[in-house]
Protein backbone atom coordinates (compact mmCIF):
# COMPACT_ATOMS: atom_id res chain seq x y z
CA MET A 1 86.12 53.80 89.52
CA ARG A 2 82.79 54.13 91.29
CA LEU A 3 79.71 55.04 89.28
CA THR A 4 79.31 58.32 91.17
CA ASP A 5 82.92 59.26 90.39
CA LEU A 6 82.41 58.39 86.74
CA LEU A 7 79.22 60.47 86.53
CA SER A 8 80.92 63.36 88.30
CA GLU A 9 83.83 63.24 85.84
CA LEU A 10 81.48 63.08 82.84
CA GLY A 11 79.48 66.00 84.22
CA ARG A 12 82.65 68.03 84.69
CA ARG A 13 83.75 67.33 81.14
CA PHE A 14 80.36 68.26 79.67
CA GLN A 15 80.37 71.46 81.67
CA MET A 16 83.85 72.31 80.40
CA ILE A 17 82.88 71.58 76.83
CA PHE A 18 79.58 73.41 76.69
CA SER A 19 79.71 76.24 79.20
CA ARG A 20 83.34 76.97 79.94
CA ARG A 21 85.10 76.60 76.62
CA GLU A 22 86.29 80.21 76.45
CA ARG A 23 87.72 80.09 79.96
CA PHE A 24 89.29 76.70 79.25
CA ASP A 25 90.79 78.03 75.99
CA ASN A 26 92.28 80.97 77.89
CA GLU A 27 93.79 78.64 80.47
CA ILE A 28 95.24 76.42 77.74
CA GLU A 29 96.71 79.43 75.94
CA GLU A 30 98.28 80.71 79.17
CA GLU A 31 99.75 77.29 79.92
CA MET A 32 101.20 77.00 76.42
CA ARG A 33 102.65 80.52 76.65
CA LEU A 34 104.26 79.67 79.98
CA HIS A 35 105.94 76.58 78.54
CA ARG A 36 107.14 78.47 75.45
CA ASP A 37 108.52 81.28 77.62
CA LEU A 38 110.31 78.86 79.95
CA ARG A 39 111.86 77.01 77.01
CA ALA A 40 112.93 80.28 75.37
CA ARG A 41 114.56 81.37 78.65
CA GLU A 42 116.47 78.08 78.84
CA LEU A 43 117.70 78.56 75.27
CA ARG A 44 118.76 82.15 75.98
CA ASP A 45 120.61 80.96 79.08
CA ASP A 46 122.43 78.48 76.81
CA GLY A 47 123.53 81.35 74.54
CA ALA A 48 120.79 81.73 71.93
CA SER A 49 119.69 85.20 70.89
CA PRO A 50 116.23 86.24 72.14
CA GLU A 51 114.79 85.96 68.62
CA ASP A 52 116.34 82.54 67.96
CA ALA A 53 115.22 81.29 71.38
CA ARG A 54 111.64 82.44 70.82
CA TYR A 55 111.54 80.87 67.35
CA ALA A 56 113.01 77.56 68.56
CA ALA A 57 110.64 77.39 71.54
CA GLN A 58 107.62 77.95 69.30
CA GLY A 59 108.90 75.31 66.89
CA ARG A 60 109.24 72.79 69.67
CA PHE A 61 105.59 73.13 70.66
CA GLY A 62 104.24 73.39 67.12
CA ASN A 63 100.96 74.79 65.91
CA ASN A 64 98.96 76.42 68.73
CA LEU A 65 95.56 75.73 67.16
CA GLN A 66 96.33 72.08 66.53
CA LEU A 67 97.71 71.63 70.05
CA ARG A 68 94.66 73.32 71.58
CA GLU A 69 92.33 71.02 69.61
CA GLU A 70 94.32 67.96 70.72
CA ILE A 71 93.93 69.09 74.33
CA HIS A 72 90.17 69.50 73.83
CA GLN A 73 89.99 66.00 72.37
CA ALA A 74 91.93 64.57 75.29
CA TRP A 75 89.63 66.26 77.83
CA ALA A 76 86.39 65.62 76.02
CA GLY A 77 87.07 62.05 75.03
CA PRO A 78 86.14 60.51 71.69
CA GLY A 79 83.17 62.06 69.97
CA LEU A 80 82.47 64.77 72.56
CA THR A 81 83.78 67.96 70.97
CA ALA A 82 81.94 71.27 70.98
């Protein structure tokens, strides 16, 4: 990776962390909701009740807060959390 590319990537990550966290959080939440909804639909198509499908889909993805923090860690890199 070229130095300019590396600096650009670091700048983008800092910007996300410090000035766009709310927007980024909203995008993460929407993405997680989409995946849960798609999984629930698959389960309903396989015969699960709507309630059981929703519960199983949420269980598959786990704790929203923990997942969101893991995504922030992955984007920010080690030691760069807001």
